[in-house]
Amino acid sequence: MKSHCSENPHPSLLTLQIPRTIRSVVNEYQVDLTRRYDIDWLRVILFGLLIPFHVAIGVYWSTYGTEINPNIGDISDENTEEFANKNNDYTSESVDFTSMVLHWMHQWRLAALFMISGMGTAFAFKRRTWKIYLTERCKRLLIPMFFGAWTMGFAGSVIMGNETITPAGLTYGFLFGIIWRSLSFWIPIYGKLIALGHLWFLWNLFQYSLILLPVFHIVRNNPEGSISGILRAPFRMRTGIGALIIIPLLLSSTEILFKPWFPGYIGVGYEWFWFFAFFAIGYICIISKDEYYQLIENQRVTITIATLIWTIAFVWLRLEQHDTGIPYVDGGWVGTEGFHSRMTVVACLIHSFHAWFWCLTIFSWGSHVLNRNHRYLPYLNQGVYPFYIVHMPLTFLGLRLASNLGLRNHSAVIFATFLVILTCWLFFEIVKRFKSTRFLYGIK
């Protein structure tokens, strides 16, 4: 007599008997086998750079106003505005060494983050329908965006001294802020600047995800179809010409078309189209699979050398903007320079090639040295959204305290950065412990 355990005529029934929790662990393990830890690390690092960058532009450029800039704390009130307008060290046009580092970082950091978001979309869509993906985008982008705008926007307004510090005044300011921020966030330029502030990134991501949703759906259902083939074509070209020349030329074309008319600022103007392209390219990198990874592995040295050359070109361009007053890097020169000149076309090419090659350098070296798990990586990944959402009002607080303590330059940057990181971490430790706050701050 045969044992019931010796054979199983219906293996599928045995599979169905495995507890759901175990099947979930197995599925998660299978997903983790192909997980790109380098992308997780780069996401953490690049979002982490946001804090010292935002602190530094408040010290060296007076981006948030002269009243919280530690570097001009010794200037008398009546002379502060005049000083900030005349002294180039405290405007975004400055070309001293520290300002040039900030200008350089600003050209590729956000572009790389939009690429990472596109890469994450490619991974996410492998195991989601379009309806599930869209639902998750609303939860992970719109909910934190609105809640962050209502709460952090109000907190920043209080720290900047724009609210009446009485119970009635604070209540009115908070409730009125919810209404006007909810109604005005979609207005071009004004809405992002006033209603969303630094949270414009989430709104752009949602728009890009929504626009490209049909493409994601088609590629998922037919990964070897014509649409997928067209998207992957740049990484299939010989000698890397597609990735090294064609893609940055496409990026440059968005600048050539839109940059003369609109200055780039918080993801509006030409930047809306430019970042959209980086988001789409990030998605294409992942669906290209080995073709993309082989390119950044085999061409790493070439990419790095080219990046250094384009960096020199960018520094020259930024100095030309400073000398001529024509916004070659920032855009919006129609009215002073005409639609295009030879120099403006060259500026568009340098700007896009510089940003693209820095992205390639980051991803190629990241793939080489960072594609490994660490026990703290999931924890750091969870902290990205809360840190990002809450850091701006804490930046205002750090700058104000640094100014009150008489700190200047690098000491002010170090103090404020440390304070922001510490308070963001304490905030994260609190909100991650409750289901409701995890939902509101986009924590998985």
Protein backbone atom coordinates (compact mmCIF):
# COMPACT_ATOMS: atom_id res chain seq x y z
CA MET A 1 0.00 0.00 0.00
CA LYS A 2 1.41 3.36 -1.06
CA SER A 3 1.86 6.12 1.43
CA HIS A 4 -0.16 9.26 0.82
CA CYS A 5 3.06 11.18 1.15
CA SER A 6 4.94 9.24 -1.51
CA GLU A 7 3.37 11.00 -4.46
CA ASN A 8 1.00 13.82 -5.16
CA PRO A 9 -1.12 13.64 -8.30
CA HIS A 10 -2.12 17.28 -7.89
CA PRO A 11 0.94 19.40 -7.03
CA SER A 12 -1.08 22.54 -7.45
CA LEU A 13 -3.29 21.51 -4.56
CA LEU A 14 -0.22 21.13 -2.38
CA THR A 15 0.85 24.62 -3.37
CA LEU A 16 -2.52 25.99 -2.41
CA GLN A 17 -2.14 24.45 1.04
CA ILE A 18 0.97 26.54 1.79
CA PRO A 19 -0.01 29.29 4.23
CA ARG A 20 -0.45 32.69 2.64
CA THR A 21 2.17 34.24 4.90
CA ILE A 22 4.80 31.75 3.73
CA ARG A 23 3.90 32.31 0.08
CA SER A 24 4.29 36.05 0.65
CA VAL A 25 7.76 35.55 2.09
CA VAL A 26 8.73 33.34 -0.86
CA ASN A 27 7.43 35.90 -3.36
CA GLU A 28 9.25 38.72 -1.60
CA TYR A 29 12.43 36.66 -1.57
CA GLN A 30 12.11 36.06 -5.32
CA VAL A 31 11.68 39.77 -5.91
CA ASP A 32 14.70 40.57 -3.76
CA LEU A 33 16.87 38.28 -5.90
CA THR A 34 16.67 40.85 -8.72
CA ARG A 35 16.46 43.96 -6.56
CA ARG A 36 18.94 46.67 -7.43
CA TYR A 37 20.39 47.77 -4.11
CA ASP A 38 22.56 50.37 -5.83
CA ILE A 39 19.40 52.25 -6.86
CA ASP A 40 18.17 52.14 -3.26
CA TRP A 41 21.50 53.46 -2.01
CA LEU A 42 21.60 56.23 -4.61
CA ARG A 43 18.04 57.23 -3.73
CA VAL A 44 19.02 57.58 -0.08
CA ILE A 45 22.26 59.44 -0.88
CA LEU A 46 20.75 61.87 -3.38
CA PHE A 47 17.79 62.71 -1.16
CA GLY A 48 20.26 63.05 1.70
CA LEU A 49 22.19 65.69 -0.25
CA LEU A 50 19.00 67.73 -0.30
CA ILE A 51 19.47 68.83 3.31
CA PRO A 52 22.99 70.36 3.10
CA PHE A 53 22.12 71.81 -0.31
CA HIS A 54 18.99 73.58 0.96
CA VAL A 55 20.84 74.77 4.04
CA ALA A 56 23.77 76.09 1.99
CA ILE A 57 21.66 78.08 -0.48
CA GLY A 58 20.02 79.77 2.50
CA VAL A 59 23.46 80.81 3.76
CA TYR A 60 25.28 81.71 0.54
CA TRP A 61 22.41 82.90 -1.66
CA SER A 62 19.76 84.31 0.74
CA THR A 63 17.26 82.03 -1.04
CA TYR A 64 14.77 82.17 1.85
CA GLY A 65 15.23 85.83 2.63
CA THR A 66 17.83 87.95 4.37
CA GLU A 67 16.11 87.74 7.76
CA ILE A 68 17.31 84.14 8.34
CA ASN A 69 20.62 84.30 6.46
CA PRO A 70 23.39 83.89 9.06
CA ASN A 71 25.99 85.52 6.80
CA ILE A 72 24.33 88.93 6.93
CA GLY A 73 23.24 88.82 10.55
CA ASP A 74 25.70 91.60 11.44
CA ILE A 75 24.28 94.02 8.90
CA SER A 76 21.88 96.59 10.30
CA ASP A 77 18.23 96.15 9.31
CA GLU A 78 18.05 99.29 7.18
CA ASN A 79 21.05 98.17 5.11
CA THR A 80 20.21 94.47 4.81
CA GLU A 81 18.16 94.64 1.61
CA GLU A 82 20.59 96.99 -0.10
CA PHE A 83 23.52 94.82 0.94
CA ALA A 84 21.87 91.62 -0.33
CA ASN A 85 21.08 93.24 -3.67
CA LYS A 86 24.55 94.66 -4.25
CA ASN A 87 26.84 92.03 -2.77
CA ASN A 88 27.07 89.14 -5.20
CA ASP A 89 28.09 86.68 -2.48
CA TYR A 90 24.47 86.45 -1.31
CA THR A 91 22.64 85.94 -4.62
CA SER A 92 22.23 82.87 -6.82
CA GLU A 93 24.41 84.60 -9.44
CA SER A 94 27.51 84.23 -7.29
CA VAL A 95 30.46 82.41 -8.86
CA ASP A 96 32.73 82.00 -5.84
CA PHE A 97 33.94 78.44 -5.18
CA THR A 98 31.13 77.42 -2.81
CA SER A 99 28.45 78.82 -5.09
CA MET A 100 29.93 77.03 -8.09
CA VAL A 101 29.79 73.74 -6.19
CA LEU A 102 26.11 74.39 -5.48
CA HIS A 103 25.44 75.33 -9.11
CA TRP A 104 27.21 72.16 -10.27
CA MET A 105 25.29 69.91 -7.87
CA HIS A 106 21.95 71.45 -8.79
CA GLN A 107 22.32 70.53 -12.47
CA TRP A 108 22.34 66.75 -12.03
CA ARG A 109 21.04 65.82 -8.56
CA LEU A 110 17.35 66.31 -9.36
CA ALA A 111 17.79 64.82 -12.83
CA ALA A 112 19.24 61.67 -11.24
CA LEU A 113 16.37 61.50 -8.73
CA PHE A 114 13.81 61.66 -11.54
CA MET A 115 15.69 58.86 -13.28
CA ILE A 116 15.57 56.79 -10.08
CA SER A 117 11.83 57.40 -9.89
CA GLY A 118 11.46 56.18 -13.46
CA MET A 119 13.56 53.11 -12.62
CA GLY A 120 11.37 52.41 -9.60
CA THR A 121 8.30 52.61 -11.82
CA ALA A 122 9.76 49.97 -14.15
CA PHE A 123 10.33 47.62 -11.22
CA ALA A 124 6.92 48.32 -9.72
CA PHE A 125 5.02 47.71 -12.94
CA LYS A 126 6.46 44.22 -13.29
CA ARG A 127 4.06 42.96 -10.61
CA ARG A 128 1.20 45.48 -10.71
CA THR A 129 -1.72 46.25 -12.97
CA TRP A 130 -2.21 49.85 -14.09
CA LYS A 131 -5.10 50.26 -11.64
CA ILE A 132 -3.02 49.08 -8.67
CA TYR A 133 -0.10 51.25 -9.77
CA LEU A 134 -2.27 54.35 -10.12
CA THR A 135 -3.84 53.74 -6.72
CA GLU A 136 -0.39 53.42 -5.16
CA ARG A 137 0.79 56.61 -6.89
CA CYS A 138 -2.11 58.50 -5.35
CA LYS A 139 -1.31 57.11 -1.91
CA ARG A 140 2.44 57.56 -2.14
CA LEU A 141 2.52 60.93 -3.91
CA LEU A 142 -0.70 62.92 -3.59
CA ILE A 143 -1.51 62.11 0.04
CA PRO A 144 1.98 63.06 1.37
CA MET A 145 2.02 66.08 -0.97
CA PHE A 146 -1.25 67.54 0.31
CA PHE A 147 -0.68 66.67 3.95
CA GLY A 148 2.90 67.95 3.79
CA ALA A 149 1.80 71.19 2.13
CA TRP A 150 -0.87 71.76 4.79
CA THR A 151 1.36 70.98 7.79
CA MET A 152 4.95 71.71 6.76
CA GLY A 153 3.93 74.70 4.69
CA PHE A 154 2.19 76.14 7.72
CA ALA A 155 5.11 75.29 10.03
CA GLY A 156 7.51 77.03 7.67
CA SER A 157 5.27 80.09 7.57
CA VAL A 158 5.27 80.24 11.38
CA ILE A 159 9.07 79.94 11.60
CA MET A 160 9.50 82.64 8.97
CA GLY A 161 7.29 84.96 11.04
CA ASN A 162 4.42 85.15 8.56
CA GLU A 163 1.71 84.05 10.99
CA THR A 164 0.07 85.81 13.92
CA ILE A 165 1.34 84.02 17.03
CA THR A 166 -1.93 83.79 18.96
CA PRO A 167 -4.26 80.78 19.30
CA ALA A 168 -6.85 82.44 17.07
CA GLY A 169 -4.25 83.64 14.55
CA LEU A 170 -2.56 80.25 14.28
CA THR A 171 -5.87 78.42 13.94
CA TYR A 172 -7.05 80.78 11.22
CA GLY A 173 -3.70 80.62 9.40
CA PHE A 174 -3.67 76.82 9.43
CA LEU A 175 -7.27 76.36 8.26
CA PHE A 176 -7.07 79.09 5.65
CA GLY A 177 -3.78 77.62 4.43
CA ILE A 178 -5.45 74.24 3.85
CA ILE A 179 -8.06 75.90 1.64
CA TRP A 180 -5.83 78.10 -0.49
CA ARG A 181 -3.06 75.54 -0.86
CA SER A 182 -5.58 72.91 -1.97
CA LEU A 183 -7.11 75.27 -4.54
CA SER A 184 -3.96 76.87 -5.95
CA PHE A 185 -1.35 74.08 -6.12
CA TRP A 186 -2.09 73.34 -9.81
CA ILE A 187 -1.60 76.94 -11.02
CA PRO A 188 1.61 77.12 -13.12
CA ILE A 189 4.63 78.58 -11.31
CA TYR A 190 2.59 80.40 -8.63
CA GLY A 191 0.93 77.25 -7.32
CA LYS A 192 4.14 75.28 -6.96
CA LEU A 193 6.08 78.15 -5.46
CA ILE A 194 3.48 79.34 -2.94
CA ALA A 195 1.29 76.31 -2.27
CA LEU A 196 3.66 73.35 -2.62
CA GLY A 197 7.13 74.76 -2.07
CA HIS A 198 9.69 71.96 -2.01
CA LEU A 199 6.92 69.36 -2.46
CA TRP A 200 6.63 70.25 -6.16
CA PHE A 201 8.75 67.15 -6.83
CA LEU A 202 5.85 64.88 -5.82
CA TRP A 203 3.39 66.74 -8.04
CA ASN A 204 5.70 66.46 -11.06
CA LEU A 205 6.19 62.77 -10.40
CA PHE A 206 2.45 62.18 -10.29
CA GLN A 207 1.93 64.04 -13.58
CA TYR A 208 4.71 62.09 -15.29
CA SER A 209 3.39 58.78 -13.99
CA LEU A 210 -0.13 59.57 -15.18
CA ILE A 211 0.96 60.70 -18.65
CA LEU A 212 3.14 57.64 -19.26
CA LEU A 213 0.71 55.14 -17.74
CA PRO A 214 -0.49 53.84 -21.16
CA VAL A 215 3.12 53.23 -22.20
CA PHE A 216 3.86 51.36 -18.96
CA HIS A 217 0.77 49.20 -19.52
CA ILE A 218 1.61 48.38 -23.14
CA VAL A 219 5.23 47.46 -22.39
CA ARG A 220 4.24 45.32 -19.42
CA ASN A 221 1.76 43.31 -21.49
CA ASN A 222 4.03 43.04 -24.54
CA PRO A 223 7.66 43.37 -23.38
CA GLU A 224 9.06 42.28 -26.76
CA GLY A 225 6.67 44.37 -28.86
CA SER A 226 7.41 47.27 -31.17
CA ILE A 227 6.91 49.98 -28.51
CA SER A 228 9.33 48.27 -26.17
CA GLY A 229 11.79 47.81 -29.02
CA ILE A 230 11.70 51.50 -29.92
CA LEU A 231 12.24 52.53 -26.29
CA ARG A 232 15.17 50.15 -25.86
CA ALA A 233 16.80 51.09 -29.17
CA PRO A 234 19.31 53.64 -27.74
CA PHE A 235 20.92 50.95 -25.57
CA ARG A 236 21.12 48.50 -28.47
CA MET A 237 23.20 50.75 -30.72
CA ARG A 238 26.81 49.79 -31.27
CA THR A 239 29.67 51.48 -29.42
CA GLY A 240 27.16 53.07 -27.02
CA ILE A 241 26.31 55.86 -29.45
CA GLY A 242 22.65 55.78 -28.40
CA ALA A 243 23.30 56.37 -24.72
CA LEU A 244 26.37 58.59 -25.11
CA ILE A 245 25.13 60.85 -27.92
CA ILE A 246 21.50 60.28 -28.99
CA ILE A 247 19.91 60.49 -25.51
CA PRO A 248 21.70 63.72 -24.44
CA LEU A 249 20.82 65.22 -27.85
CA LEU A 250 17.16 64.43 -27.15
CA LEU A 251 17.51 66.09 -23.75
CA SER A 252 19.13 69.10 -25.42
CA SER A 253 16.20 69.35 -27.83
CA THR A 254 13.80 69.98 -24.93
CA GLU A 255 16.03 72.85 -23.85
CA ILE A 256 16.33 74.24 -27.37
CA LEU A 257 12.54 74.25 -27.76
CA PHE A 258 11.45 75.53 -24.35
CA LYS A 259 14.39 77.11 -22.56
CA PRO A 260 14.37 80.47 -24.40
CA TRP A 261 10.85 81.20 -23.17
CA PHE A 262 10.81 79.89 -19.60
CA PRO A 263 13.38 80.05 -16.82
CA GLY A 264 13.81 76.72 -15.07
CA TYR A 265 12.67 76.86 -11.47
CA ILE A 266 11.16 74.21 -9.14
CA GLY A 267 10.28 71.97 -12.05
CA VAL A 268 8.43 74.52 -14.18
CA GLY A 269 9.30 76.12 -17.50
CA TYR A 270 11.70 74.07 -19.57
CA GLU A 271 12.51 71.96 -16.49
CA TRP A 272 9.07 70.34 -16.59
CA PHE A 273 9.85 68.82 -19.99
CA TRP A 274 13.50 68.19 -19.15
CA PHE A 275 12.74 66.27 -15.94
CA PHE A 276 9.94 64.42 -17.74
CA ALA A 277 12.56 63.15 -20.18
CA PHE A 278 14.86 62.02 -17.36
CA PHE A 279 11.96 60.18 -15.70
CA ALA A 280 11.13 58.38 -18.96
CA ILE A 281 14.80 57.54 -19.58
CA GLY A 282 15.08 56.02 -16.10
CA TYR A 283 12.16 53.75 -16.96
CA ILE A 284 13.77 52.81 -20.28
CA CYS A 285 17.06 51.93 -18.55
CA ILE A 286 15.38 49.20 -16.50
CA ILE A 287 13.22 47.72 -19.25
CA SER A 288 16.41 47.56 -21.34
CA LYS A 289 17.76 45.13 -18.73
CA ASP A 290 21.24 43.79 -19.50
CA GLU A 291 21.76 46.16 -22.42
CA TYR A 292 21.75 49.12 -20.03
CA TYR A 293 23.84 47.48 -17.32
CA GLN A 294 26.41 46.18 -19.79
CA LEU A 295 26.81 49.67 -21.21
CA ILE A 296 27.44 51.41 -17.89
CA GLU A 297 29.80 48.59 -16.87
CA ASN A 298 31.81 48.44 -20.10
CA GLN A 299 31.90 52.20 -20.68
CA ARG A 300 32.48 53.33 -17.09
CA VAL A 301 35.94 54.80 -17.68
CA THR A 302 34.87 56.51 -20.91
CA ILE A 303 31.79 57.93 -19.18
CA THR A 304 33.87 59.23 -16.27
CA ILE A 305 36.42 60.96 -18.51
CA ALA A 306 33.66 62.51 -20.62
CA THR A 307 31.94 63.72 -17.45
CA LEU A 308 35.05 65.58 -16.35
CA ILE A 309 35.27 67.28 -19.76
CA TRP A 310 31.61 68.32 -19.68
CA THR A 311 32.08 69.62 -16.14
CA ILE A 312 34.82 71.97 -17.36
CA ALA A 313 32.47 73.09 -20.14
CA PHE A 314 29.69 73.73 -17.62
CA VAL A 315 31.96 75.82 -15.39
CA TRP A 316 32.91 77.92 -18.44
CA LEU A 317 29.23 78.33 -19.33
CA ARG A 318 28.30 79.41 -15.81
CA LEU A 319 31.08 82.01 -15.85
CA GLU A 320 29.85 83.25 -19.24
CA GLN A 321 26.37 83.70 -17.77
CA HIS A 322 27.85 85.68 -14.90
CA ASP A 323 29.89 87.93 -17.21
CA THR A 324 27.21 88.59 -19.84
CA GLY A 325 24.07 88.54 -17.72
CA ILE A 326 22.38 86.24 -20.27
CA PRO A 327 20.77 83.26 -18.47
CA TYR A 328 22.44 80.51 -20.50
CA VAL A 329 22.04 77.99 -17.67
CA ASP A 330 18.77 79.19 -16.15
CA GLY A 331 16.84 79.94 -19.35
CA GLY A 332 14.32 82.63 -20.26
CA TRP A 333 16.53 84.83 -22.42
CA VAL A 334 13.90 85.80 -25.03
CA GLY A 335 13.62 89.58 -24.99
CA THR A 336 17.33 90.14 -24.42
CA GLU A 337 19.03 87.62 -26.71
CA GLY A 338 16.28 86.75 -29.20
CA PHE A 339 15.00 83.19 -29.64
CA HIS A 340 18.39 81.58 -30.27
CA SER A 341 21.94 82.44 -31.10
CA ARG A 342 24.89 80.16 -31.64
CA MET A 343 25.84 80.63 -27.99
CA THR A 344 22.40 79.74 -26.63
CA VAL A 345 22.32 76.51 -28.68
CA VAL A 346 25.79 75.63 -27.39
CA ALA A 347 24.55 76.39 -23.86
CA CYS A 348 21.64 73.96 -24.24
CA LEU A 349 24.00 71.23 -25.47
CA ILE A 350 26.52 71.75 -22.66
CA HIS A 351 23.83 71.86 -19.98
CA SER A 352 22.11 68.62 -21.03
CA PHE A 353 25.29 66.68 -21.83
CA HIS A 354 26.78 67.74 -18.48
CA ALA A 355 23.72 66.62 -16.50
CA TRP A 356 23.32 63.37 -18.44
CA PHE A 357 26.93 62.29 -18.11
CA TRP A 358 26.91 62.99 -14.39
CA CYS A 359 23.84 60.77 -14.12
CA LEU A 360 25.62 58.05 -16.09
CA THR A 361 28.71 58.38 -13.90
CA ILE A 362 26.66 58.12 -10.72
CA PHE A 363 24.74 55.07 -11.93
CA SER A 364 27.76 53.32 -13.42
CA TRP A 365 29.89 53.65 -10.29
CA GLY A 366 26.86 53.01 -8.09
CA SER A 367 26.21 49.76 -9.93
CA HIS A 368 29.88 48.83 -9.50
CA VAL A 369 30.26 49.46 -5.77
CA LEU A 370 26.80 49.84 -4.18
CA ASN A 371 24.77 46.88 -5.43
CA ARG A 372 24.79 45.09 -2.10
CA ASN A 373 22.31 44.89 0.72
CA HIS A 374 22.85 46.16 4.25
CA ARG A 375 20.75 45.73 7.34
CA TYR A 376 20.24 49.50 7.60
CA LEU A 377 19.25 50.02 3.97
CA PRO A 378 15.51 49.29 4.42
CA TYR A 379 15.46 51.63 7.42
CA LEU A 380 17.15 54.41 5.48
CA ASN A 381 14.84 53.86 2.52
CA GLN A 382 11.80 54.21 4.73
CA GLY A 383 13.12 57.48 6.07
CA VAL A 384 13.50 59.16 2.66
CA TYR A 385 9.94 60.49 2.35
CA PRO A 386 9.52 61.73 5.94
CA PHE A 387 12.95 63.41 5.86
CA TYR A 388 12.13 65.03 2.54
CA ILE A 389 8.66 66.23 3.57
CA VAL A 390 9.63 67.72 6.93
CA HIS A 391 13.12 69.04 6.27
CA MET A 392 12.25 72.45 4.81
CA PRO A 393 10.67 74.18 7.84
CA LEU A 394 13.44 72.65 9.95
CA THR A 395 15.94 74.21 7.53
CA PHE A 396 14.39 77.62 8.22
CA LEU A 397 14.66 76.89 11.94
CA GLY A 398 18.28 75.81 11.66
CA LEU A 399 19.25 78.94 9.72
CA ARG A 400 17.47 81.21 12.18
CA LEU A 401 19.17 79.56 15.16
CA ALA A 402 22.56 79.70 13.43
CA SER A 403 22.03 83.39 12.80
CA ASN A 404 21.04 84.01 16.43
CA LEU A 405 24.15 82.15 17.61
CA GLY A 406 26.39 84.30 15.41
CA LEU A 407 27.55 81.42 13.20
CA ARG A 408 28.74 82.21 9.69
CA ASN A 409 29.62 80.42 6.44
CA HIS A 410 30.66 76.77 6.84
CA SER A 411 30.03 76.69 10.57
CA ALA A 412 26.44 77.85 9.97
CA VAL A 413 25.98 75.21 7.27
CA ILE A 414 27.37 72.42 9.49
CA PHE A 415 25.32 73.46 12.52
CA ALA A 416 22.05 73.83 10.60
CA THR A 417 22.58 70.61 8.64
CA PHE A 418 23.26 68.62 11.81
CA LEU A 419 20.20 70.13 13.49
CA VAL A 420 17.94 69.36 10.51
CA ILE A 421 19.17 65.76 10.24
CA LEU A 422 18.72 65.17 13.99
CA THR A 423 15.21 66.63 14.13
CA CYS A 424 14.17 64.85 10.93
CA TRP A 425 15.37 61.57 12.41
CA LEU A 426 13.44 62.14 15.64
CA PHE A 427 10.36 63.01 13.59
CA PHE A 428 10.77 59.83 11.50
CA GLU A 429 11.13 57.68 14.61
CA ILE A 430 7.79 59.02 15.84
CA VAL A 431 5.71 58.87 12.64
CA LYS A 432 6.88 55.40 11.59
CA ARG A 433 5.35 53.88 14.73
CA PHE A 434 1.73 54.63 13.83
CA LYS A 435 -0.23 53.30 10.88
CA SER A 436 -2.00 56.62 10.26
CA THR A 437 1.19 58.68 10.16
CA ARG A 438 2.97 56.09 8.04
CA PHE A 439 0.16 56.51 5.52
CA LEU A 440 0.23 60.29 5.63
CA TYR A 441 4.00 60.50 5.14
CA GLY A 442 4.28 57.88 2.43
CA ILE A 443 6.11 55.22 4.46
CA LYS A 444 5.71 51.72 3.06
